[in-house]
């Protein structure tokens, strides 16, 4: 009986350690993006639906999609009461699904950060090259 309890306890601890370390390493985006809408953010937790621009051109969508897919996941602490993202992004897919994202846009040569709305403590770092892509897209819309 002691061996069974010890085995069960060790199994539970191992499972707990694995669960604590698991984190999405890349963003999960669906195929067939139909449009990307962008607005200035009002804060964490929801999306500002007063979109400044909606992108429907495949070439631009592909650049943004590649930038997000190459972002690296990391845990972060966000004070949703005092901090505010720069932009809200709504990605719409051809199958009718969508993703809401918050974007903290870095300066030229710096990383940016993107996170799913409602899951602000798991963000994704975008490389300085990705920041350049996002800045180019935002400046030309």
N, C-alpha and C. Protein backbone atom coordinates (compact mmCIF):
# COMPACT_ATOMS: atom_id res chain seq x y z
N UNK A 1 0.82 -1.19 0.00
CA UNK A 1 0.00 0.00 0.00
C UNK A 1 0.87 1.26 0.00
N UNK A 2 1.96 1.26 0.76
CA UNK A 2 2.85 2.41 0.80
C UNK A 2 3.47 2.67 -0.57
N UNK A 3 3.83 1.60 -1.26
CA UNK A 3 4.43 1.75 -2.60
C UNK A 3 3.42 2.36 -3.56
N UNK A 4 2.17 1.94 -3.44
CA UNK A 4 1.12 2.48 -4.31
C UNK A 4 0.93 3.98 -4.06
N UNK A 5 0.87 4.38 -2.82
CA UNK A 5 0.68 5.79 -2.48
C UNK A 5 1.89 6.61 -2.91
N UNK A 6 3.09 6.08 -2.71
CA UNK A 6 4.31 6.77 -3.13
C UNK A 6 4.33 6.91 -4.66
N UNK A 7 3.98 5.84 -5.35
CA UNK A 7 3.94 5.86 -6.80
C UNK A 7 2.92 6.87 -7.30
N UNK A 8 1.76 6.89 -6.71
CA UNK A 8 0.71 7.83 -7.09
C UNK A 8 1.15 9.27 -6.83
N UNK A 9 1.78 9.52 -5.70
CA UNK A 9 2.26 10.86 -5.36
C UNK A 9 3.33 11.32 -6.35
N UNK A 10 4.28 10.44 -6.66
CA UNK A 10 5.33 10.79 -7.61
C UNK A 10 4.76 11.06 -9.00
N UNK A 11 3.79 10.26 -9.40
CA UNK A 11 3.16 10.47 -10.71
C UNK A 11 2.45 11.81 -10.75
N UNK A 12 1.75 12.14 -9.69
CA UNK A 12 1.04 13.43 -9.62
C UNK A 12 2.04 14.58 -9.67
N UNK A 13 3.14 14.50 -8.94
CA UNK A 13 4.15 15.56 -8.94
C UNK A 13 4.78 15.72 -10.32
N UNK A 14 5.07 14.61 -10.98
CA UNK A 14 5.66 14.68 -12.32
C UNK A 14 4.69 15.33 -13.30
N UNK A 15 3.43 14.96 -13.21
CA UNK A 15 2.42 15.55 -14.08
C UNK A 15 2.29 17.05 -13.83
N UNK A 16 2.33 17.44 -12.59
CA UNK A 16 2.23 18.85 -12.21
C UNK A 16 3.42 19.63 -12.76
N UNK A 17 4.62 19.08 -12.66
CA UNK A 17 5.80 19.76 -13.19
C UNK A 17 5.74 19.91 -14.71
N UNK A 18 5.29 18.89 -15.38
CA UNK A 18 5.16 18.95 -16.84
C UNK A 18 4.13 19.99 -17.23
N UNK A 19 3.02 20.04 -16.54
CA UNK A 19 1.96 21.00 -16.85
C UNK A 19 2.42 22.43 -16.61
N UNK A 20 3.20 22.65 -15.57
CA UNK A 20 3.67 23.99 -15.27
C UNK A 20 4.68 24.48 -16.30
N UNK A 21 5.41 23.58 -16.91
CA UNK A 21 6.42 23.98 -17.88
C UNK A 21 5.88 24.07 -19.28
N UNK A 22 4.75 23.45 -19.55
CA UNK A 22 4.23 23.48 -20.91
C UNK A 22 3.65 24.85 -21.21
N UNK A 23 3.99 25.36 -22.37
CA UNK A 23 3.50 26.65 -22.82
C UNK A 23 3.58 26.64 -24.33
N UNK A 24 2.63 27.30 -24.95
CA UNK A 24 2.67 27.39 -26.40
C UNK A 24 3.95 28.10 -26.80
N UNK A 25 4.71 27.48 -27.70
CA UNK A 25 5.95 28.08 -28.17
C UNK A 25 5.71 28.91 -29.42
N UNK A 26 4.62 28.67 -30.10
CA UNK A 26 4.28 29.48 -31.26
C UNK A 26 2.78 29.74 -31.28
N UNK A 27 2.43 30.79 -31.95
CA UNK A 27 1.01 31.15 -32.01
C UNK A 27 0.25 30.14 -32.86
N UNK A 28 -0.95 29.87 -32.44
CA UNK A 28 -1.82 28.96 -33.18
C UNK A 28 -2.79 29.80 -34.01
N UNK A 29 -2.49 29.90 -35.27
CA UNK A 29 -3.39 30.59 -36.18
C UNK A 29 -3.94 29.57 -37.15
N UNK A 30 -5.16 29.78 -37.57
CA UNK A 30 -5.78 28.88 -38.53
C UNK A 30 -5.38 29.27 -39.93
N UNK A 31 -5.55 28.35 -40.85
CA UNK A 31 -5.28 28.67 -42.25
C UNK A 31 -6.43 29.50 -42.82
N UNK A 32 -6.21 30.04 -43.96
CA UNK A 32 -7.24 30.76 -44.71
C UNK A 32 -7.77 31.98 -43.96
N UNK A 33 -6.87 32.91 -43.65
CA UNK A 33 -7.27 34.18 -43.06
C UNK A 33 -7.99 34.98 -44.13
N UNK A 34 -9.16 35.48 -43.82
CA UNK A 34 -9.92 36.27 -44.80
C UNK A 34 -9.67 37.76 -44.65
N UNK A 35 -9.48 38.24 -43.39
CA UNK A 35 -9.20 39.65 -43.18
C UNK A 35 -8.58 39.86 -41.81
N UNK A 36 -7.90 40.99 -41.69
CA UNK A 36 -7.30 41.39 -40.41
C UNK A 36 -7.73 42.83 -40.17
N UNK A 37 -8.41 43.07 -39.04
CA UNK A 37 -8.87 44.41 -38.68
C UNK A 37 -8.03 44.91 -37.51
N UNK A 38 -7.67 46.19 -37.55
CA UNK A 38 -6.78 46.77 -36.53
C UNK A 38 -7.40 48.05 -36.00
N UNK A 39 -7.35 48.20 -34.67
CA UNK A 39 -7.83 49.43 -34.03
C UNK A 39 -6.87 49.80 -32.91
N UNK A 40 -6.91 51.07 -32.50
CA UNK A 40 -6.16 51.48 -31.32
C UNK A 40 -6.83 50.85 -30.12
N UNK A 41 -6.02 50.35 -29.20
CA UNK A 41 -6.57 49.62 -28.06
C UNK A 41 -7.09 50.56 -26.98
N UNK A 42 -8.15 50.12 -26.33
CA UNK A 42 -8.68 50.82 -25.15
C UNK A 42 -8.22 50.15 -23.86
N UNK A 43 -7.51 49.04 -23.97
CA UNK A 43 -7.02 48.32 -22.80
C UNK A 43 -7.20 46.83 -22.96
N UNK A 44 -6.71 46.10 -21.99
CA UNK A 44 -6.76 44.64 -22.03
C UNK A 44 -8.15 44.11 -21.76
N UNK A 45 -8.42 42.90 -22.24
CA UNK A 45 -9.64 42.19 -21.92
C UNK A 45 -10.71 42.22 -22.99
N UNK A 46 -10.62 43.13 -23.92
CA UNK A 46 -11.61 43.21 -24.99
C UNK A 46 -11.01 43.87 -26.20
N UNK A 47 -11.77 43.90 -27.28
CA UNK A 47 -11.28 44.51 -28.51
C UNK A 47 -12.07 45.77 -28.81
N UNK A 48 -11.36 46.83 -29.16
CA UNK A 48 -11.99 48.05 -29.63
C UNK A 48 -12.47 47.77 -31.05
N UNK A 49 -13.77 47.76 -31.25
CA UNK A 49 -14.34 47.41 -32.55
C UNK A 49 -14.46 48.60 -33.50
N UNK A 50 -13.91 49.74 -33.11
CA UNK A 50 -13.85 50.90 -34.01
C UNK A 50 -12.55 50.80 -34.80
N UNK A 51 -12.53 49.88 -35.77
CA UNK A 51 -11.31 49.56 -36.49
C UNK A 51 -10.88 50.71 -37.39
N UNK A 52 -9.58 51.03 -37.34
CA UNK A 52 -9.00 52.05 -38.20
C UNK A 52 -8.82 51.52 -39.61
N UNK A 53 -8.54 50.23 -39.70
CA UNK A 53 -8.27 49.63 -41.00
C UNK A 53 -8.63 48.16 -41.00
N UNK A 54 -9.03 47.68 -42.15
CA UNK A 54 -9.25 46.26 -42.35
C UNK A 54 -8.46 45.86 -43.59
N UNK A 55 -7.63 44.86 -43.42
CA UNK A 55 -6.74 44.40 -44.49
C UNK A 55 -7.33 43.14 -45.10
N UNK A 56 -7.47 43.15 -46.41
CA UNK A 56 -8.01 41.98 -47.11
C UNK A 56 -7.09 41.49 -48.22
N UNK A 57 -5.96 42.17 -48.42
CA UNK A 57 -5.03 41.80 -49.48
C UNK A 57 -4.18 40.61 -49.04
N UNK A 58 -4.16 39.58 -49.86
CA UNK A 58 -3.46 38.34 -49.51
C UNK A 58 -1.99 38.55 -49.21
N UNK A 59 -1.31 39.41 -49.96
CA UNK A 59 0.13 39.61 -49.76
C UNK A 59 0.41 40.21 -48.38
N UNK A 60 -0.41 41.17 -47.97
CA UNK A 60 -0.21 41.80 -46.65
C UNK A 60 -0.61 40.84 -45.55
N UNK A 61 -1.71 40.14 -45.72
CA UNK A 61 -2.14 39.15 -44.73
C UNK A 61 -1.05 38.11 -44.54
N UNK A 62 -0.44 37.67 -45.62
CA UNK A 62 0.62 36.66 -45.55
C UNK A 62 1.81 37.17 -44.75
N UNK A 63 2.18 38.44 -44.92
CA UNK A 63 3.31 39.02 -44.17
C UNK A 63 3.00 39.06 -42.67
N UNK A 64 1.80 39.48 -42.33
CA UNK A 64 1.41 39.54 -40.91
C UNK A 64 1.32 38.14 -40.33
N UNK A 65 0.71 37.23 -41.06
CA UNK A 65 0.56 35.84 -40.63
C UNK A 65 1.93 35.22 -40.35
N UNK A 66 2.89 35.41 -41.25
CA UNK A 66 4.24 34.88 -41.06
C UNK A 66 4.90 35.48 -39.82
N UNK A 67 4.69 36.77 -39.62
CA UNK A 67 5.27 37.46 -38.45
C UNK A 67 4.73 36.85 -37.16
N UNK A 68 3.42 36.61 -37.08
CA UNK A 68 2.83 36.03 -35.88
C UNK A 68 3.24 34.58 -35.68
N UNK A 69 3.31 33.82 -36.77
CA UNK A 69 3.68 32.40 -36.65
C UNK A 69 5.13 32.23 -36.20
N UNK A 70 5.98 33.24 -36.45
CA UNK A 70 7.38 33.16 -36.03
C UNK A 70 7.62 33.75 -34.64
N UNK A 71 6.58 34.24 -34.00
CA UNK A 71 6.71 34.80 -32.65
C UNK A 71 6.98 33.68 -31.65
N UNK A 72 7.78 33.99 -30.63
CA UNK A 72 8.16 33.00 -29.61
C UNK A 72 7.37 33.21 -28.33
N UNK A 73 6.76 32.14 -27.83
CA UNK A 73 5.94 32.21 -26.63
C UNK A 73 6.76 32.39 -25.37
N UNK A 74 6.16 33.11 -24.42
CA UNK A 74 6.79 33.29 -23.10
C UNK A 74 5.73 33.72 -22.10
N UNK A 75 5.96 33.36 -20.85
CA UNK A 75 5.09 33.82 -19.77
C UNK A 75 5.46 35.27 -19.46
N UNK A 76 4.49 36.04 -19.05
CA UNK A 76 4.73 37.43 -18.71
C UNK A 76 3.73 37.87 -17.66
N UNK A 77 4.05 38.94 -16.99
CA UNK A 77 3.11 39.52 -16.04
C UNK A 77 2.64 40.84 -16.62
N UNK A 78 1.34 40.95 -16.78
CA UNK A 78 0.74 42.16 -17.32
C UNK A 78 -0.19 42.73 -16.26
N UNK A 79 0.01 43.99 -15.94
CA UNK A 79 -0.89 44.67 -15.03
C UNK A 79 -2.00 45.29 -15.89
N UNK A 80 -3.09 44.53 -16.02
CA UNK A 80 -4.16 44.96 -16.92
C UNK A 80 -4.85 46.23 -16.44
N UNK A 81 -4.61 46.63 -15.21
CA UNK A 81 -5.21 47.86 -14.69
C UNK A 81 -4.45 49.11 -15.07
N UNK A 82 -3.13 49.00 -15.23
CA UNK A 82 -2.33 50.19 -15.52
C UNK A 82 -1.66 50.16 -16.89
N UNK A 83 -1.41 48.99 -17.42
CA UNK A 83 -0.78 48.90 -18.74
C UNK A 83 -1.86 48.85 -19.83
N UNK A 84 -1.45 49.19 -21.03
CA UNK A 84 -2.39 49.18 -22.14
C UNK A 84 -1.64 48.80 -23.42
N UNK A 85 -2.19 47.87 -24.20
CA UNK A 85 -1.55 47.56 -25.48
C UNK A 85 -1.75 48.73 -26.45
N UNK A 86 -0.96 48.74 -27.51
CA UNK A 86 -1.09 49.80 -28.50
C UNK A 86 -2.25 49.56 -29.46
N UNK A 87 -2.41 48.29 -29.88
CA UNK A 87 -3.41 47.96 -30.88
C UNK A 87 -4.19 46.71 -30.50
N UNK A 88 -5.42 46.64 -31.00
CA UNK A 88 -6.23 45.43 -30.95
C UNK A 88 -6.34 44.92 -32.38
N UNK A 89 -6.25 43.61 -32.53
CA UNK A 89 -6.28 43.00 -33.86
C UNK A 89 -7.33 41.90 -33.85
N UNK A 90 -8.18 41.91 -34.86
CA UNK A 90 -9.16 40.85 -35.03
C UNK A 90 -8.83 40.13 -36.33
N UNK A 91 -8.48 38.85 -36.20
CA UNK A 91 -8.18 38.01 -37.37
C UNK A 91 -9.42 37.19 -37.67
N UNK A 92 -9.94 37.36 -38.87
CA UNK A 92 -11.12 36.61 -39.31
C UNK A 92 -10.68 35.54 -40.30
N UNK A 93 -11.28 34.35 -40.17
CA UNK A 93 -10.96 33.23 -41.04
C UNK A 93 -12.13 32.94 -41.96
N UNK A 94 -11.82 32.31 -43.08
CA UNK A 94 -12.85 31.98 -44.06
C UNK A 94 -13.92 31.05 -43.51
N UNK A 95 -13.57 30.23 -42.50
CA UNK A 95 -14.55 29.30 -41.93
C UNK A 95 -15.46 29.98 -40.89
N UNK A 96 -15.30 31.30 -40.68
CA UNK A 96 -16.16 32.03 -39.76
C UNK A 96 -15.57 32.22 -38.37
N UNK A 97 -14.51 31.51 -38.03
CA UNK A 97 -13.86 31.68 -36.73
C UNK A 97 -13.04 32.96 -36.73
N UNK A 98 -12.63 33.38 -35.52
CA UNK A 98 -11.76 34.55 -35.42
C UNK A 98 -10.90 34.47 -34.17
N UNK A 99 -9.86 35.26 -34.14
CA UNK A 99 -8.98 35.41 -32.98
C UNK A 99 -8.88 36.90 -32.66
N UNK A 100 -8.95 37.23 -31.38
CA UNK A 100 -8.70 38.58 -30.92
C UNK A 100 -7.32 38.65 -30.30
N UNK A 101 -6.55 39.66 -30.68
CA UNK A 101 -5.18 39.81 -30.19
C UNK A 101 -4.95 41.22 -29.68
N UNK A 102 -4.03 41.34 -28.73
CA UNK A 102 -3.52 42.64 -28.30
C UNK A 102 -2.08 42.73 -28.79
N UNK A 103 -1.68 43.91 -29.26
CA UNK A 103 -0.32 44.13 -29.74
C UNK A 103 0.31 45.29 -28.99
N UNK A 104 1.49 45.03 -28.43
CA UNK A 104 2.34 46.08 -27.88
C UNK A 104 3.45 46.25 -28.91
N UNK A 105 3.39 47.33 -29.67
CA UNK A 105 4.29 47.54 -30.79
C UNK A 105 5.60 48.16 -30.30
N UNK A 106 6.70 47.48 -30.59
CA UNK A 106 8.01 47.99 -30.22
C UNK A 106 8.47 49.10 -31.16
N UNK A 107 9.47 49.84 -30.72
CA UNK A 107 10.08 50.85 -31.58
C UNK A 107 10.92 50.16 -32.64
N UNK A 108 11.34 50.90 -33.63
CA UNK A 108 12.19 50.36 -34.68
C UNK A 108 13.43 49.72 -34.06
N UNK A 109 13.73 48.48 -34.47
CA UNK A 109 14.88 47.75 -33.93
C UNK A 109 14.60 47.01 -32.64
N UNK A 110 13.38 47.09 -32.13
CA UNK A 110 13.01 46.42 -30.88
C UNK A 110 12.00 45.31 -31.14
N UNK A 111 11.86 44.44 -30.15
CA UNK A 111 10.83 43.40 -30.21
C UNK A 111 9.47 44.01 -29.93
N UNK A 112 8.44 43.36 -30.43
CA UNK A 112 7.06 43.68 -30.09
C UNK A 112 6.51 42.49 -29.32
N UNK A 113 5.30 42.64 -28.81
CA UNK A 113 4.67 41.55 -28.06
C UNK A 113 3.21 41.46 -28.47
N UNK A 114 2.74 40.24 -28.69
CA UNK A 114 1.34 40.01 -29.05
C UNK A 114 0.80 38.93 -28.13
N UNK A 115 -0.49 39.02 -27.79
CA UNK A 115 -1.11 38.03 -26.92
C UNK A 115 -2.58 37.89 -27.29
N UNK A 116 -3.12 36.72 -27.01
CA UNK A 116 -4.55 36.50 -27.25
C UNK A 116 -5.36 37.28 -26.22
N UNK A 117 -6.45 37.88 -26.63
CA UNK A 117 -7.36 38.57 -25.71
C UNK A 117 -7.87 37.55 -24.70
N UNK A 118 -7.79 37.89 -23.43
CA UNK A 118 -8.23 37.00 -22.37
C UNK A 118 -7.14 36.09 -21.85
N UNK A 119 -5.98 36.09 -22.49
CA UNK A 119 -4.85 35.27 -22.06
C UNK A 119 -3.59 36.14 -22.09
N UNK A 120 -3.66 37.27 -21.41
CA UNK A 120 -2.61 38.28 -21.47
C UNK A 120 -1.30 37.85 -20.81
N UNK A 121 -1.34 36.87 -19.90
CA UNK A 121 -0.12 36.46 -19.21
C UNK A 121 0.71 35.44 -19.97
N UNK A 122 0.26 35.06 -21.16
CA UNK A 122 1.05 34.23 -22.06
C UNK A 122 1.18 35.00 -23.36
N UNK A 123 2.32 35.64 -23.53
CA UNK A 123 2.54 36.47 -24.70
C UNK A 123 3.49 35.82 -25.68
N UNK A 124 3.67 36.49 -26.79
CA UNK A 124 4.55 36.01 -27.83
C UNK A 124 5.43 37.18 -28.27
N UNK A 125 6.75 36.97 -28.22
CA UNK A 125 7.69 38.00 -28.64
C UNK A 125 7.85 37.96 -30.16
N UNK A 126 7.76 39.12 -30.76
CA UNK A 126 7.97 39.29 -32.19
C UNK A 126 9.34 39.91 -32.38
N UNK A 127 10.12 39.36 -33.27
CA UNK A 127 11.49 39.82 -33.51
C UNK A 127 11.51 41.27 -33.99
N UNK A 128 12.67 41.93 -33.89
CA UNK A 128 12.78 43.29 -34.44
C UNK A 128 12.43 43.34 -35.94
N UNK A 129 12.75 42.27 -36.67
CA UNK A 129 12.38 42.22 -38.09
C UNK A 129 10.86 42.17 -38.25
N UNK A 130 10.20 41.39 -37.38
CA UNK A 130 8.74 41.32 -37.39
C UNK A 130 8.12 42.66 -37.01
N UNK A 131 8.75 43.36 -36.07
CA UNK A 131 8.29 44.70 -35.69
C UNK A 131 8.33 45.62 -36.90
N UNK A 132 9.40 45.52 -37.69
CA UNK A 132 9.51 46.34 -38.90
C UNK A 132 8.37 46.04 -39.87
N UNK A 133 8.04 44.77 -40.05
CA UNK A 133 6.93 44.38 -40.93
C UNK A 133 5.63 45.02 -40.43
N UNK A 134 5.37 44.89 -39.13
CA UNK A 134 4.14 45.43 -38.56
C UNK A 134 4.10 46.96 -38.69
N UNK A 135 5.21 47.62 -38.43
CA UNK A 135 5.26 49.07 -38.57
C UNK A 135 5.01 49.49 -40.03
N UNK A 136 5.62 48.77 -40.97
CA UNK A 136 5.40 49.08 -42.39
C UNK A 136 3.93 48.93 -42.76
N UNK A 137 3.30 47.86 -42.31
CA UNK A 137 1.89 47.64 -42.61
C UNK A 137 1.03 48.74 -42.00
N UNK A 138 1.28 49.07 -40.73
CA UNK A 138 0.47 50.08 -40.06
C UNK A 138 0.68 51.47 -40.67
N UNK A 139 1.91 51.78 -41.09
CA UNK A 139 2.18 53.09 -41.68
C UNK A 139 1.55 53.25 -43.06
N UNK A 140 1.34 52.13 -43.76
CA UNK A 140 0.82 52.21 -45.12
C UNK A 140 -0.67 51.96 -45.22
N UNK A 141 -1.37 51.94 -44.11
CA UNK A 141 -2.83 51.71 -44.14
C UNK A 141 -3.58 52.99 -43.91
